[in-house]
Protein backbone atom coordinates (compact mmCIF):
# COMPACT_ATOMS: atom_id res chain seq x y z
CA MET A 1 23.39 -12.90 -6.55
CA GLY A 2 21.10 -13.42 -9.49
CA SER A 3 19.33 -16.20 -7.77
CA ILE A 4 18.92 -14.12 -4.57
CA TYR A 5 17.37 -11.42 -6.69
CA LEU A 6 15.01 -13.85 -8.45
CA ILE A 7 13.82 -15.26 -5.01
CA ARG A 8 13.35 -11.65 -3.51
CA ASN A 9 11.52 -10.72 -6.82
CA LYS A 10 9.26 -13.54 -6.52
CA GLU A 11 8.31 -13.03 -2.90
CA LYS A 12 7.65 -9.34 -3.78
CA THR A 13 5.37 -10.39 -6.56
CA LEU A 14 3.65 -12.93 -4.38
CA SER A 15 3.01 -10.60 -1.56
CA LYS A 16 1.47 -7.96 -3.79
CA GLY A 17 -0.36 -10.51 -5.95
CA ASN A 18 -1.96 -9.38 -9.09
CA PHE A 19 -3.45 -6.03 -8.51
CA LEU A 20 -5.55 -6.10 -11.59
CA GLN A 21 -7.03 -9.44 -10.60
CA ASN A 22 -7.90 -7.97 -7.16
CA VAL A 23 -9.62 -4.93 -8.81
CA VAL A 24 -11.68 -7.13 -11.15
CA ILE A 25 -12.72 -9.42 -8.26
CA ILE A 26 -13.95 -6.47 -6.07
CA ALA A 27 -15.60 -4.84 -9.18
CA LEU A 28 -17.50 -8.01 -9.95
CA LEU A 29 -18.90 -8.08 -6.39
CA VAL A 30 -19.95 -4.42 -6.62
CA PHE A 31 -21.61 -4.79 -9.98
CA PRO A 32 -24.85 -6.22 -8.62
CA PHE A 33 -25.56 -2.95 -7.01
CA LEU A 34 -25.94 -1.47 -10.79
CA PHE A 35 -28.85 -4.01 -11.47
CA ASN A 36 -32.41 -3.90 -9.96
CA GLY A 37 -32.31 -6.01 -7.12
CA SER A 38 -35.11 -8.13 -5.50
CA ASP A 39 -36.61 -6.48 -2.26
CA GLY A 40 -33.42 -4.54 -1.73
CA VAL A 41 -31.14 -7.53 -2.22
CA HIS A 42 -28.36 -7.20 -4.73
CA ARG A 43 -26.57 -10.52 -5.26
CA TRP A 44 -26.90 -11.21 -8.99
CA LEU A 45 -25.37 -10.01 -12.10
CA THR A 46 -28.18 -9.99 -14.73
CA ILE A 47 -26.98 -11.02 -18.20
CA GLY A 48 -30.26 -11.11 -20.41
CA PRO A 49 -32.44 -13.92 -18.88
CA ILE A 50 -29.55 -15.28 -16.81
CA ASN A 51 -28.94 -14.32 -13.13
CA VAL A 52 -25.22 -15.01 -11.95
CA TYR A 53 -24.95 -15.47 -8.29
CA ILE A 54 -21.50 -13.72 -8.43
CA ALA A 55 -20.31 -14.19 -4.83
CA SER A 56 -20.33 -17.95 -5.10
CA ILE A 57 -18.01 -17.86 -8.14
CA ILE A 58 -15.78 -15.04 -6.99
CA LEU A 59 -15.20 -15.81 -3.28
CA PRO A 60 -13.25 -19.05 -3.82
CA LEU A 61 -10.91 -17.12 -6.23
CA LEU A 62 -10.59 -14.20 -3.60
CA ILE A 63 -9.80 -16.68 -0.87
CA ILE A 64 -6.88 -17.86 -3.17
CA GLN A 65 -5.67 -14.26 -3.74
CA LEU A 66 -5.88 -13.44 -0.07
CA TRP A 67 -3.52 -16.65 0.42
CA LYS A 68 -1.15 -15.14 -2.11
CA LEU A 69 -1.04 -11.79 -0.27
CA ALA A 70 -0.47 -13.32 3.06
CA LEU A 71 3.09 -11.96 3.07
CA ASN A 72 1.64 -8.49 2.93
CA ASN A 73 -0.74 -8.41 5.97
CA ILE A 74 -2.00 -4.89 5.65
CA TYR A 75 -2.96 -5.31 1.96
CA ALA A 76 -4.54 -8.78 2.62
CA ILE A 77 -6.55 -7.55 5.52
CA GLY A 78 -7.70 -4.46 3.77
CA LEU A 79 -8.97 -6.47 0.86
CA TYR A 80 -10.58 -8.93 3.14
CA PHE A 81 -12.56 -6.32 5.04
CA ILE A 82 -13.64 -4.47 1.85
CA THR A 83 -15.23 -7.74 0.77
CA LEU A 84 -17.07 -8.14 4.07
CA ILE A 85 -18.45 -4.61 3.69
CA ILE A 86 -19.71 -5.42 0.18
CA LEU A 87 -21.15 -8.56 1.28
CA LEU A 88 -22.95 -6.84 4.22
CA PHE A 89 -24.54 -4.50 1.83
CA HIS A 90 -25.71 -7.22 -0.78
CA PRO A 91 -26.94 -8.34 1.92
CA ASP A 92 -25.70 -11.96 1.96
CA ALA A 93 -25.18 -13.31 5.56
CA GLY A 94 -24.59 -16.89 4.30
CA GLN A 95 -21.65 -16.00 1.92
CA LEU A 96 -20.33 -13.55 4.44
CA THR A 97 -20.31 -16.10 7.31
CA ALA A 98 -18.71 -18.73 5.04
CA PHE A 99 -16.13 -16.45 3.65
CA ALA A 100 -15.32 -15.04 7.01
CA CYS A 101 -14.95 -18.27 8.90
CA ALA A 102 -12.72 -19.58 6.24
CA THR A 103 -10.50 -16.61 5.63
CA THR A 104 -10.06 -16.04 9.38
CA ILE A 105 -8.31 -19.38 9.87
CA MET A 106 -5.96 -18.46 7.04
CA LEU A 107 -5.27 -14.97 8.26
CA TRP A 108 -4.86 -16.05 11.88
CA LYS A 109 -2.09 -18.40 10.87
CA LYS A 110 -0.37 -15.93 8.65
CA ILE A 111 -0.72 -12.66 10.67
CA SER A 112 2.42 -12.21 13.06
CA ASN A 113 1.18 -9.24 14.91
CA GLY A 114 -0.86 -10.35 17.99
CA MET A 115 -2.85 -7.14 18.35
CA MET A 116 -3.67 -7.14 14.68
CA LYS A 117 -4.92 -10.73 15.03
CA TYR A 118 -7.32 -10.02 17.79
CA PHE A 119 -8.45 -6.90 16.31
CA SER A 120 -9.17 -8.62 12.96
CA LEU A 121 -11.05 -11.36 14.77
CA ILE A 122 -13.23 -9.04 16.77
CA LEU A 123 -14.05 -6.98 13.81
CA THR A 124 -14.82 -10.10 11.75
CA VAL A 125 -17.26 -11.31 14.40
CA THR A 126 -18.88 -7.85 14.45
CA PHE A 127 -19.53 -8.17 10.77
CA VAL A 128 -20.88 -11.76 10.97
CA ILE A 129 -23.34 -10.62 13.62
CA MET A 130 -24.53 -7.62 11.75
CA SER A 131 -25.06 -9.72 8.74
CA TRP A 132 -27.45 -11.95 10.59
CA VAL A 133 -29.25 -9.17 12.39
CA PHE A 134 -30.11 -7.53 9.11
CA LEU A 135 -31.21 -10.58 7.30
CA ASP A 136 -33.00 -10.11 3.85
CA ASP A 137 -36.79 -10.91 3.60
CA LEU A 138 -36.47 -12.97 0.44
CA ALA A 139 -38.74 -16.14 0.62
CA PRO A 140 -37.09 -19.48 -0.14
CA VAL A 141 -37.30 -21.10 -3.44
CA PRO A 142 -38.06 -24.80 -3.00
CA TYR A 143 -35.47 -26.04 -5.65
CA VAL A 144 -32.60 -23.59 -4.38
CA GLU A 145 -32.81 -22.82 -0.70
CA ASP A 146 -34.99 -25.76 0.42
CA ILE A 147 -33.59 -28.45 -2.05
CA ILE A 148 -32.41 -30.60 0.84
CA PHE A 149 -35.87 -30.75 2.33
CA LEU A 150 -37.25 -31.80 -1.10
CA VAL A 151 -34.71 -34.59 -1.12
CA ALA A 152 -35.71 -35.60 2.43
CA ASP A 153 -39.44 -35.73 1.21
CA LEU A 154 -38.33 -38.38 -1.29
CA GLY A 155 -37.35 -40.70 1.49
CA SER A 156 -34.62 -41.24 4.08
CA VAL A 157 -32.41 -43.15 1.53
CA TRP A 158 -32.32 -40.26 -0.95
CA PHE A 159 -31.80 -37.85 2.00
CA VAL A 160 -28.74 -39.77 3.12
CA LEU A 161 -27.43 -40.13 -0.42
CA GLY A 162 -27.78 -36.39 -0.84
CA ILE A 163 -25.78 -35.55 2.25
CA LEU A 164 -23.11 -38.13 1.22
CA SER A 165 -22.78 -36.67 -2.08
CA LEU A 166 -22.07 -33.14 -0.60
CA LEU A 167 -19.62 -34.66 1.79
CA LEU A 168 -17.72 -36.36 -0.98
CA LEU A 169 -17.17 -33.02 -2.68
CA LEU A 170 -15.36 -31.87 0.55
CA LEU A 171 -13.19 -34.90 0.95
CA SER A 172 -10.63 -33.75 -1.68
CA LEU A 173 -10.34 -30.28 0.02
CA PHE A 174 -9.85 -31.63 3.53
CA PHE A 175 -8.01 -34.92 2.92
CA TYR A 176 -6.44 -35.12 -0.47
CA TYR A 177 -5.28 -31.58 -1.14
CA GLY A 178 -5.78 -30.51 2.44
CA ARG A 179 -3.00 -32.45 3.96
CA LYS A 180 -0.65 -29.75 5.40
CA ASN A 181 -2.12 -27.36 2.87
CA ILE A 182 -3.63 -24.34 4.49
CA ILE A 183 -5.23 -23.03 1.31
CA SER A 184 -7.13 -26.20 0.60
CA LEU A 185 -8.23 -26.49 4.16
CA THR A 186 -9.49 -22.92 3.95
CA LEU A 187 -11.45 -23.52 0.77
CA GLY A 188 -12.95 -26.65 2.39
CA VAL A 189 -14.15 -24.57 5.52
CA TYR A 190 -15.66 -22.09 3.02
CA PHE A 191 -17.74 -24.74 1.16
CA PHE A 192 -18.62 -26.54 4.34
CA MET A 193 -19.86 -23.36 6.06
CA ALA A 194 -21.77 -22.35 2.87
CA MET A 195 -23.68 -25.50 3.26
CA ILE A 196 -24.23 -25.25 7.00
CA VAL A 197 -25.69 -21.85 6.86
CA THR A 198 -28.60 -23.10 4.76
CA LEU A 199 -29.96 -24.79 7.83
CA PHE A 200 -30.41 -21.50 9.60
CA GLY A 201 -31.40 -19.13 6.89
CA ASN A 202 -32.70 -18.89 3.30
CA PHE A 203 -29.52 -19.45 1.39
CA PRO A 204 -28.69 -21.45 -1.77
CA LEU A 205 -27.40 -24.84 -1.16
CA PRO A 206 -24.13 -25.07 -3.06
CA ILE A 207 -23.80 -27.77 -5.68
CA MET A 208 -27.01 -29.59 -4.86
CA GLY A 209 -29.33 -26.61 -5.28
CA TYR A 210 -30.59 -25.31 -8.64
CA GLY A 211 -27.97 -22.92 -10.20
CA ILE A 212 -24.60 -23.33 -11.82
CA SER A 213 -22.84 -20.42 -10.01
CA PRO A 214 -21.74 -22.41 -6.86
CA ILE A 215 -20.55 -25.32 -9.20
CA ILE A 216 -18.34 -22.93 -11.26
CA GLY A 217 -16.85 -21.53 -8.02
CA TYR A 218 -16.19 -25.04 -6.71
CA PHE A 219 -14.52 -26.25 -10.02
CA PHE A 220 -12.46 -22.93 -10.18
CA ALA A 221 -11.10 -23.93 -6.70
CA ILE A 222 -10.48 -27.56 -7.54
CA SER A 223 -8.88 -26.68 -10.89
CA TRP A 224 -6.34 -24.21 -9.10
CA LEU A 225 -5.52 -26.74 -6.43
CA LYS A 226 -4.83 -29.52 -8.96
CA LYS A 227 -2.58 -27.28 -10.94
CA ASN A 228 -0.71 -25.56 -8.03
CA THR A 229 -0.38 -28.35 -5.46
């Protein structure tokens, strides 16, 4: 009887997740609106001379939280769409698209209600389309958004090495941790899409581009997977 109680209690805790963590994550995504943005864009937490691209740090952690909440569909879906709304108003089509593509895979697998599945999918596609319709007007920074083209200008060898270095970072997510592991595959899709969207808009290229925020987000994800898988 005691073991049954512990199992049920564990499942209940897992389904609800850590409410405080969720509040902190959402608050950190909202905080950029409190700072002076650039041309109406609010993606950064400004700490003195440092600008922190908060979504690239927080979203991998949020994906993990949503996976923990998968037993509680309504709670997870609510948190998911709150995040999409915030990213839409940042605005950040790149992060919104990467997050939506990755998380949809996980939620589709976990949601048992067919109507809720299709409703969530249609609403997600709507958010993604809206984010690309209302793109920001920020000009690309050569060593951030256009870093891959700078590498290409150095020669084809450097370009190939640069692409391979990015793919190597994804190998552990798709093939090492990712074997029969939905959360690792979801994180892999997130980082892969965050790279792909840079080909279609002025978005920071994770890991390779200038800025430590995406690197922190990546290592948070890898550290959690190493500890929990």
